[in-house]
Full PDB file with SEQRES, HELIX, SHEET, SSBOND, CRYST1, ORIGX, SCALE, CONECT and MASTER records, all heavy atoms in Angstrom:
SEQRES   1 A   32  LEU VAL SER SER ASP SER ASP TRP ASN LYS TYR VAL PRO          
SEQRES   2 A   32  LEU VAL GLN ALA ALA GLU PRO ASN ALA VAL ALA PHE LEU          
SEQRES   3 A   32  LEU LYS THR VAL ALA GLN                                      
HELIX    1 AA1 ASP A    7  TYR A   11  5                                   5    
HELIX    2 AA2 VAL A   12  ALA A   17  1                                   6    
HELIX    3 AA3 PRO A   20  THR A   29  1                                  10    
CRYST1    1.000    1.000    1.000  90.00  90.00  90.00 P 1           1          
ORIGX1      1.000000  0.000000  0.000000        0.00000                         
ORIGX2      0.000000  1.000000  0.000000        0.00000                         
ORIGX3      0.000000  0.000000  1.000000        0.00000                         
SCALE1      1.000000  0.000000  0.000000        0.00000                         
SCALE2      0.000000  1.000000  0.000000        0.00000                         
SCALE3      0.000000  0.000000  1.000000        0.00000                         
ATOM      1  N   LEU A   1       0.330 -11.253 -10.626  1.00  0.00           N  
ATOM      2  CA  LEU A   1      -1.036 -11.500 -10.190  1.00  0.00           C  
ATOM      3  C   LEU A   1      -1.885 -10.246 -10.058  1.00  0.00           C  
ATOM      4  O   LEU A   1      -3.108 -10.326 -10.158  1.00  0.00           O  
ATOM      5  CB  LEU A   1      -1.046 -12.248  -8.847  1.00  0.00           C  
ATOM      6  CG  LEU A   1      -0.529 -13.682  -8.875  1.00  0.00           C  
ATOM      7  CD1 LEU A   1      -0.783 -14.363  -7.544  1.00  0.00           C  
ATOM      8  CD2 LEU A   1      -1.166 -14.486 -10.001  1.00  0.00           C  
ATOM      9  N   VAL A   2      -1.275  -9.122  -9.800  1.00  0.00           N  
ATOM     10  CA  VAL A   2      -2.084  -7.907  -9.692  1.00  0.00           C  
ATOM     11  C   VAL A   2      -2.025  -7.168 -11.022  1.00  0.00           C  
ATOM     12  O   VAL A   2      -0.967  -6.944 -11.595  1.00  0.00           O  
ATOM     13  CB  VAL A   2      -1.611  -6.999  -8.543  1.00  0.00           C  
ATOM     14  CG1 VAL A   2      -0.211  -6.484  -8.763  1.00  0.00           C  
ATOM     15  CG2 VAL A   2      -2.573  -5.837  -8.338  1.00  0.00           C  
ATOM     16  N   SER A   3      -3.188  -6.810 -11.534  1.00  0.00           N  
ATOM     17  CA  SER A   3      -3.270  -6.185 -12.852  1.00  0.00           C  
ATOM     18  C   SER A   3      -3.036  -4.685 -12.756  1.00  0.00           C  
ATOM     19  O   SER A   3      -3.408  -4.039 -11.778  1.00  0.00           O  
ATOM     20  CB  SER A   3      -4.653  -6.453 -13.449  1.00  0.00           C  
ATOM     21  OG  SER A   3      -4.876  -5.662 -14.595  1.00  0.00           O  
ATOM     22  N   SER A   4      -2.450  -4.142 -13.789  1.00  0.00           N  
ATOM     23  CA  SER A   4      -2.306  -2.688 -13.866  1.00  0.00           C  
ATOM     24  C   SER A   4      -3.657  -2.008 -14.022  1.00  0.00           C  
ATOM     25  O   SER A   4      -3.777  -0.801 -13.820  1.00  0.00           O  
ATOM     26  CB  SER A   4      -1.396  -2.312 -15.041  1.00  0.00           C  
ATOM     27  OG  SER A   4      -1.939  -2.783 -16.266  1.00  0.00           O  
ATOM     28  N   ASP A   5      -4.705  -2.793 -14.376  1.00  0.00           N  
ATOM     29  CA  ASP A   5      -6.058  -2.257 -14.476  1.00  0.00           C  
ATOM     30  C   ASP A   5      -6.850  -2.463 -13.194  1.00  0.00           C  
ATOM     31  O   ASP A   5      -8.078  -2.334 -13.187  1.00  0.00           O  
ATOM     32  CB  ASP A   5      -6.806  -2.911 -15.645  1.00  0.00           C  
ATOM     33  CG  ASP A   5      -6.463  -2.268 -16.977  1.00  0.00           C  
ATOM     34  OD1 ASP A   5      -6.054  -1.099 -16.985  1.00  0.00           O  
ATOM     35  OD2 ASP A   5      -6.590  -2.948 -18.010  1.00  0.00           O  
ATOM     36  N   SER A   6      -6.164  -2.792 -12.103  1.00  0.00           N  
ATOM     37  CA  SER A   6      -6.802  -2.905 -10.795  1.00  0.00           C  
ATOM     38  C   SER A   6      -6.383  -1.735  -9.915  1.00  0.00           C  
ATOM     39  O   SER A   6      -5.226  -1.311  -9.914  1.00  0.00           O  
ATOM     40  CB  SER A   6      -6.410  -4.219 -10.115  1.00  0.00           C  
ATOM     41  OG  SER A   6      -6.838  -4.227  -8.759  1.00  0.00           O  
ATOM     42  N   ASP A   7      -7.319  -1.235  -9.145  1.00  0.00           N  
ATOM     43  CA  ASP A   7      -7.016  -0.141  -8.229  1.00  0.00           C  
ATOM     44  C   ASP A   7      -6.060  -0.585  -7.135  1.00  0.00           C  
ATOM     45  O   ASP A   7      -5.403   0.250  -6.505  1.00  0.00           O  
ATOM     46  CB  ASP A   7      -8.314   0.389  -7.616  1.00  0.00           C  
ATOM     47  CG  ASP A   7      -8.183   1.811  -7.101  1.00  0.00           C  
ATOM     48  OD1 ASP A   7      -7.608   2.659  -7.815  1.00  0.00           O  
ATOM     49  OD2 ASP A   7      -8.645   2.088  -5.970  1.00  0.00           O  
ATOM     50  N   TRP A   8      -5.967  -1.899  -6.913  1.00  0.00           N  
ATOM     51  CA  TRP A   8      -5.017  -2.393  -5.914  1.00  0.00           C  
ATOM     52  C   TRP A   8      -3.573  -2.176  -6.345  1.00  0.00           C  
ATOM     53  O   TRP A   8      -2.672  -2.175  -5.514  1.00  0.00           O  
ATOM     54  CB  TRP A   8      -5.236  -3.895  -5.678  1.00  0.00           C  
ATOM     55  CG  TRP A   8      -6.495  -4.213  -4.942  1.00  0.00           C  
ATOM     56  CD1 TRP A   8      -7.326  -3.332  -4.303  1.00  0.00           C  
ATOM     57  CD2 TRP A   8      -7.073  -5.499  -4.766  1.00  0.00           C  
ATOM     58  NE1 TRP A   8      -8.381  -3.989  -3.745  1.00  0.00           N  
ATOM     59  CE2 TRP A   8      -8.267  -5.321  -4.012  1.00  0.00           C  
ATOM     60  CE3 TRP A   8      -6.716  -6.775  -5.167  1.00  0.00           C  
ATOM     61  CZ2 TRP A   8      -9.084  -6.402  -3.653  1.00  0.00           C  
ATOM     62  CZ3 TRP A   8      -7.535  -7.839  -4.822  1.00  0.00           C  
ATOM     63  CH2 TRP A   8      -8.707  -7.650  -4.063  1.00  0.00           C  
ATOM     64  N   ASN A   9      -3.346  -1.997  -7.625  1.00  0.00           N  
ATOM     65  CA  ASN A   9      -1.989  -1.895  -8.139  1.00  0.00           C  
ATOM     66  C   ASN A   9      -1.187  -0.790  -7.465  1.00  0.00           C  
ATOM     67  O   ASN A   9       0.019  -0.930  -7.224  1.00  0.00           O  
ATOM     68  CB  ASN A   9      -2.027  -1.673  -9.650  1.00  0.00           C  
ATOM     69  CG  ASN A   9      -0.659  -1.629 -10.282  1.00  0.00           C  
ATOM     70  OD1 ASN A   9      -0.115  -0.550 -10.538  1.00  0.00           O  
ATOM     71  ND2 ASN A   9      -0.086  -2.794 -10.525  1.00  0.00           N  
ATOM     72  N   LYS A  10      -1.838   0.306  -7.114  1.00  0.00           N  
ATOM     73  CA  LYS A  10      -1.107   1.437  -6.540  1.00  0.00           C  
ATOM     74  C   LYS A  10      -0.622   1.161  -5.121  1.00  0.00           C  
ATOM     75  O   LYS A  10       0.267   1.850  -4.620  1.00  0.00           O  
ATOM     76  CB  LYS A  10      -1.981   2.688  -6.561  1.00  0.00           C  
ATOM     77  CG  LYS A  10      -3.282   2.586  -5.800  1.00  0.00           C  
ATOM     78  CD  LYS A  10      -4.148   3.812  -6.064  1.00  0.00           C  
ATOM     79  CE  LYS A  10      -5.506   3.706  -5.358  1.00  0.00           C  
ATOM     80  NZ  LYS A  10      -6.392   4.835  -5.727  1.00  0.00           N  
ATOM     81  N   TYR A  11      -1.203   0.159  -4.464  1.00  0.00           N  
ATOM     82  CA  TYR A  11      -0.789  -0.162  -3.103  1.00  0.00           C  
ATOM     83  C   TYR A  11       0.262  -1.259  -3.041  1.00  0.00           C  
ATOM     84  O   TYR A  11       0.869  -1.485  -1.992  1.00  0.00           O  
ATOM     85  CB  TYR A  11      -2.005  -0.595  -2.275  1.00  0.00           C  
ATOM     86  CG  TYR A  11      -3.081   0.457  -2.181  1.00  0.00           C  
ATOM     87  CD1 TYR A  11      -4.306   0.268  -2.805  1.00  0.00           C  
ATOM     88  CD2 TYR A  11      -2.866   1.641  -1.482  1.00  0.00           C  
ATOM     89  CE1 TYR A  11      -5.301   1.234  -2.720  1.00  0.00           C  
ATOM     90  CE2 TYR A  11      -3.849   2.614  -1.394  1.00  0.00           C  
ATOM     91  CZ  TYR A  11      -5.070   2.403  -2.023  1.00  0.00           C  
ATOM     92  OH  TYR A  11      -6.046   3.363  -1.941  1.00  0.00           O  
ATOM     93  N   VAL A  12       0.462  -1.968  -4.146  1.00  0.00           N  
ATOM     94  CA  VAL A  12       1.349  -3.131  -4.118  1.00  0.00           C  
ATOM     95  C   VAL A  12       2.779  -2.789  -3.706  1.00  0.00           C  
ATOM     96  O   VAL A  12       3.370  -3.488  -2.881  1.00  0.00           O  
ATOM     97  CB  VAL A  12       1.311  -3.862  -5.471  1.00  0.00           C  
ATOM     98  CG1 VAL A  12       2.420  -4.896  -5.564  1.00  0.00           C  
ATOM     99  CG2 VAL A  12      -0.045  -4.531  -5.662  1.00  0.00           C  
ATOM    100  N   PRO A  13       3.411  -1.729  -4.255  1.00  0.00           N  
ATOM    101  CA  PRO A  13       4.799  -1.452  -3.855  1.00  0.00           C  
ATOM    102  C   PRO A  13       4.956  -1.269  -2.350  1.00  0.00           C  
ATOM    103  O   PRO A  13       5.921  -1.767  -1.751  1.00  0.00           O  
ATOM    104  CB  PRO A  13       5.127  -0.159  -4.621  1.00  0.00           C  
ATOM    105  CG  PRO A  13       4.228  -0.193  -5.811  1.00  0.00           C  
ATOM    106  CD  PRO A  13       2.957  -0.802  -5.318  1.00  0.00           C  
ATOM    107  N   LEU A  14       4.013  -0.579  -1.718  1.00  0.00           N  
ATOM    108  CA  LEU A  14       4.116  -0.360  -0.278  1.00  0.00           C  
ATOM    109  C   LEU A  14       3.933  -1.657   0.491  1.00  0.00           C  
ATOM    110  O   LEU A  14       4.665  -1.949   1.437  1.00  0.00           O  
ATOM    111  CB  LEU A  14       3.077   0.668   0.165  1.00  0.00           C  
ATOM    112  CG  LEU A  14       3.086   1.010   1.649  1.00  0.00           C  
ATOM    113  CD1 LEU A  14       4.428   1.628   2.050  1.00  0.00           C  
ATOM    114  CD2 LEU A  14       1.946   1.954   1.997  1.00  0.00           C  
ATOM    115  N   VAL A  15       2.961  -2.486   0.062  1.00  0.00           N  
ATOM    116  CA  VAL A  15       2.732  -3.747   0.755  1.00  0.00           C  
ATOM    117  C   VAL A  15       3.914  -4.689   0.553  1.00  0.00           C  
ATOM    118  O   VAL A  15       4.330  -5.399   1.472  1.00  0.00           O  
ATOM    119  CB  VAL A  15       1.429  -4.401   0.261  1.00  0.00           C  
ATOM    120  CG1 VAL A  15       1.221  -5.760   0.906  1.00  0.00           C  
ATOM    121  CG2 VAL A  15       0.244  -3.490   0.557  1.00  0.00           C  
ATOM    122  N   GLN A  16       4.492  -4.684  -0.660  1.00  0.00           N  
ATOM    123  CA  GLN A  16       5.657  -5.520  -0.920  1.00  0.00           C  
ATOM    124  C   GLN A  16       6.830  -5.115  -0.035  1.00  0.00           C  
ATOM    125  O   GLN A  16       7.535  -5.952   0.526  1.00  0.00           O  
ATOM    126  CB  GLN A  16       6.073  -5.404  -2.387  1.00  0.00           C  
ATOM    127  CG  GLN A  16       5.197  -6.177  -3.348  1.00  0.00           C  
ATOM    128  CD  GLN A  16       5.690  -6.014  -4.761  1.00  0.00           C  
ATOM    129  OE1 GLN A  16       5.958  -4.906  -5.234  1.00  0.00           O  
ATOM    130  NE2 GLN A  16       5.818  -7.115  -5.466  1.00  0.00           N  
ATOM    131  N   ALA A  17       7.055  -3.822   0.083  1.00  0.00           N  
ATOM    132  CA  ALA A  17       8.170  -3.342   0.911  1.00  0.00           C  
ATOM    133  C   ALA A  17       7.943  -3.685   2.372  1.00  0.00           C  
ATOM    134  O   ALA A  17       8.873  -4.038   3.095  1.00  0.00           O  
ATOM    135  CB  ALA A  17       8.339  -1.837   0.741  1.00  0.00           C  
ATOM    136  N   ALA A  18       6.670  -3.605   2.815  1.00  0.00           N  
ATOM    137  CA  ALA A  18       6.281  -4.006   4.168  1.00  0.00           C  
ATOM    138  C   ALA A  18       7.162  -3.354   5.232  1.00  0.00           C  
ATOM    139  O   ALA A  18       7.553  -3.983   6.203  1.00  0.00           O  
ATOM    140  CB  ALA A  18       6.324  -5.523   4.293  1.00  0.00           C  
ATOM    141  N   GLU A  19       7.475  -2.099   5.062  1.00  0.00           N  
ATOM    142  CA  GLU A  19       8.255  -1.363   6.056  1.00  0.00           C  
ATOM    143  C   GLU A  19       7.286  -0.874   7.127  1.00  0.00           C  
ATOM    144  O   GLU A  19       6.350  -0.124   6.823  1.00  0.00           O  
ATOM    145  CB  GLU A  19       8.969  -0.202   5.369  1.00  0.00           C  
ATOM    146  CG  GLU A  19      10.148   0.351   6.140  1.00  0.00           C  
ATOM    147  CD  GLU A  19       9.695   1.184   7.307  1.00  0.00           C  
ATOM    148  OE1 GLU A  19       8.954   2.168   7.089  1.00  0.00           O  
ATOM    149  OE2 GLU A  19      10.050   0.818   8.454  1.00  0.00           O  
ATOM    150  N   PRO A  20       7.431  -1.311   8.376  1.00  0.00           N  
ATOM    151  CA  PRO A  20       6.405  -1.043   9.395  1.00  0.00           C  
ATOM    152  C   PRO A  20       6.065   0.428   9.562  1.00  0.00           C  
ATOM    153  O   PRO A  20       4.894   0.781   9.713  1.00  0.00           O  
ATOM    154  CB  PRO A  20       7.021  -1.632  10.673  1.00  0.00           C  
ATOM    155  CG  PRO A  20       7.986  -2.657  10.195  1.00  0.00           C  
ATOM    156  CD  PRO A  20       8.529  -2.145   8.899  1.00  0.00           C  
ATOM    157  N   ASN A  21       7.082   1.290   9.578  1.00  0.00           N  
ATOM    158  CA  ASN A  21       6.807   2.713   9.759  1.00  0.00           C  
ATOM    159  C   ASN A  21       5.995   3.275   8.595  1.00  0.00           C  
ATOM    160  O   ASN A  21       5.085   4.083   8.791  1.00  0.00           O  
ATOM    161  CB  ASN A  21       8.118   3.480   9.893  1.00  0.00           C  
ATOM    162  CG  ASN A  21       8.880   3.081  11.144  1.00  0.00           C  
ATOM    163  OD1 ASN A  21       8.380   3.222  12.253  1.00  0.00           O  
ATOM    164  ND2 ASN A  21      10.078   2.533  10.953  1.00  0.00           N  
ATOM    165  N   ALA A  22       6.308   2.816   7.359  1.00  0.00           N  
ATOM    166  CA  ALA A  22       5.586   3.318   6.193  1.00  0.00           C  
ATOM    167  C   ALA A  22       4.149   2.812   6.189  1.00  0.00           C  
ATOM    168  O   ALA A  22       3.210   3.560   5.869  1.00  0.00           O  
ATOM    169  CB  ALA A  22       6.296   2.892   4.913  1.00  0.00           C  
ATOM    170  N   VAL A  23       3.953   1.526   6.551  1.00  0.00           N  
ATOM    171  CA  VAL A  23       2.603   0.984   6.603  1.00  0.00           C  
ATOM    172  C   VAL A  23       1.787   1.694   7.681  1.00  0.00           C  
ATOM    173  O   VAL A  23       0.624   2.051   7.477  1.00  0.00           O  
ATOM    174  CB  VAL A  23       2.636  -0.533   6.847  1.00  0.00           C  
ATOM    175  CG1 VAL A  23       1.226  -1.079   7.038  1.00  0.00           C  
ATOM    176  CG2 VAL A  23       3.329  -1.250   5.700  1.00  0.00           C  
ATOM    177  N   ALA A  24       2.399   1.916   8.835  1.00  0.00           N  
ATOM    178  CA  ALA A  24       1.705   2.629   9.903  1.00  0.00           C  
ATOM    179  C   ALA A  24       1.334   4.044   9.460  1.00  0.00           C  
ATOM    180  O   ALA A  24       0.229   4.529   9.730  1.00  0.00           O  
ATOM    181  CB  ALA A  24       2.572   2.676  11.154  1.00  0.00           C  
ATOM    182  N   PHE A  25       2.257   4.710   8.770  1.00  0.00           N  
ATOM    183  CA  PHE A  25       1.989   6.066   8.282  1.00  0.00           C  
ATOM    184  C   PHE A  25       0.821   6.059   7.293  1.00  0.00           C  
ATOM    185  O   PHE A  25      -0.062   6.932   7.343  1.00  0.00           O  
ATOM    186  CB  PHE A  25       3.239   6.638   7.622  1.00  0.00           C  
ATOM    187  CG  PHE A  25       3.045   8.008   7.022  1.00  0.00           C  
ATOM    188  CD1 PHE A  25       3.036   9.137   7.839  1.00  0.00           C  
ATOM    189  CD2 PHE A  25       2.853   8.159   5.657  1.00  0.00           C  
ATOM    190  CE1 PHE A  25       2.832  10.399   7.288  1.00  0.00           C  
ATOM    191  CE2 PHE A  25       2.655   9.417   5.111  1.00  0.00           C  
ATOM    192  CZ  PHE A  25       2.649  10.543   5.928  1.00  0.00           C  
ATOM    193  N   LEU A  26       0.809   5.058   6.396  1.00  0.00           N  
ATOM    194  CA  LEU A  26      -0.282   4.964   5.427  1.00  0.00           C  
ATOM    195  C   LEU A  26      -1.609   4.765   6.140  1.00  0.00           C  
ATOM    196  O   LEU A  26      -2.615   5.422   5.814  1.00  0.00           O  
ATOM    197  CB  LEU A  26      -0.027   3.800   4.470  1.00  0.00           C  
ATOM    198  CG  LEU A  26      -1.145   3.532   3.454  1.00  0.00           C  
ATOM    199  CD1 LEU A  26      -1.206   4.637   2.416  1.00  0.00           C  
ATOM    200  CD2 LEU A  26      -0.933   2.192   2.764  1.00  0.00           C  
ATOM    201  N   LEU A  27      -1.655   3.868   7.125  1.00  0.00           N  
ATOM    202  CA  LEU A  27      -2.898   3.615   7.837  1.00  0.00           C  
ATOM    203  C   LEU A  27      -3.379   4.854   8.586  1.00  0.00           C  
ATOM    204  O   LEU A  27      -4.580   5.129   8.666  1.00  0.00           O  
ATOM    205  CB  LEU A  27      -2.716   2.445   8.809  1.00  0.00           C  
ATOM    206  CG  LEU A  27      -2.523   1.063   8.174  1.00  0.00           C  
ATOM    207  CD1 LEU A  27      -2.195   0.029   9.230  1.00  0.00           C  
ATOM    208  CD2 LEU A  27      -3.771   0.649   7.407  1.00  0.00           C  
ATOM    209  N   LYS A  28      -2.438   5.623   9.129  1.00  0.00           N  
ATOM    210  CA  LYS A  28      -2.828   6.818   9.881  1.00  0.00           C  
ATOM    211  C   LYS A  28      -3.309   7.943   8.972  1.00  0.00           C  
ATOM    212  O   LYS A  28      -4.243   8.676   9.312  1.00  0.00           O  
ATOM    213  CB  LYS A  28      -1.657   7.298  10.735  1.00  0.00           C  
ATOM    214  CG  LYS A  28      -1.352   6.385  11.916  1.00  0.00           C  
ATOM    215  CD  LYS A  28      -0.172   6.904  12.725  1.00  0.00           C  
ATOM    216  CE  LYS A  28       0.081   6.025  13.952  1.00  0.00           C  
ATOM    217  NZ  LYS A  28       1.234   6.510  14.757  1.00  0.00           N  
ATOM    218  N   THR A  29      -2.671   8.087   7.810  1.00  0.00           N  
ATOM    219  CA  THR A  29      -3.012   9.211   6.937  1.00  0.00           C  
ATOM    220  C   THR A  29      -4.159   8.898   5.993  1.00  0.00           C  
ATOM    221  O   THR A  29      -5.005   9.753   5.732  1.00  0.00           O  
ATOM    222  CB  THR A  29      -1.782   9.643   6.113  1.00  0.00           C  
ATOM    223  OG1 THR A  29      -1.280   8.520   5.388  1.00  0.00           O  
ATOM    224  CG2 THR A  29      -0.693  10.202   7.022  1.00  0.00           C  
ATOM    225  N   VAL A  30      -4.186   7.678   5.456  1.00  0.00           N  
ATOM    226  CA  VAL A  30      -5.222   7.326   4.486  1.00  0.00           C  
ATOM    227  C   VAL A  30      -6.457   6.751   5.184  1.00  0.00           C  
ATOM    228  O   VAL A  30      -7.587   7.177   4.922  1.00  0.00           O  
ATOM    229  CB  VAL A  30      -4.688   6.319   3.447  1.00  0.00           C  
ATOM    230  CG1 VAL A  30      -5.795   5.889   2.502  1.00  0.00           C  
ATOM    231  CG2 VAL A  30      -3.534   6.936   2.674  1.00  0.00           C  
ATOM    232  N   ALA A  31      -6.257   5.791   6.090  1.00  0.00           N  
ATOM    233  CA  ALA A  31      -7.390   5.158   6.775  1.00  0.00           C  
ATOM    234  C   ALA A  31      -7.814   5.911   8.024  1.00  0.00           C  
ATOM    235  O   ALA A  31      -8.808   5.556   8.652  1.00  0.00           O  
ATOM    236  CB  ALA A  31      -7.044   3.710   7.124  1.00  0.00           C  
ATOM    237  N   GLN A  32      -7.027   6.957   8.406  1.00  0.00           N  
ATOM    238  CA  GLN A  32      -7.345   7.757   9.597  1.00  0.00           C  
ATOM    239  C   GLN A  32      -7.458   6.879  10.843  1.00  0.00           C  
ATOM    240  O   GLN A  32      -8.338   7.059  11.683  1.00  0.00           O  
ATOM    241  CB  GLN A  32      -8.647   8.532   9.391  1.00  0.00           C  
ATOM    242  CG  GLN A  32      -8.631   9.514   8.226  1.00  0.00           C  
ATOM    243  CD  GLN A  32      -7.673  10.678   8.464  1.00  0.00           C  
ATOM    244  OE1 GLN A  32      -7.743  11.358   9.471  1.00  0.00           O  
ATOM    245  NE2 GLN A  32      -6.754  10.888   7.517  1.00  0.00           N  
TER     246      GLN A  32                                                      
MASTER        0    0    0    3    0    0    0    6  245    1    0    3          
END                                                                             
């Protein structure tokens, strides 16, 4: 469902893994 021509594609592996510490780290570093 997610296209390789979508900017969302780069986030899919992290969202699929759904590891809480990694998601929290992403939100803190990328979303500040």
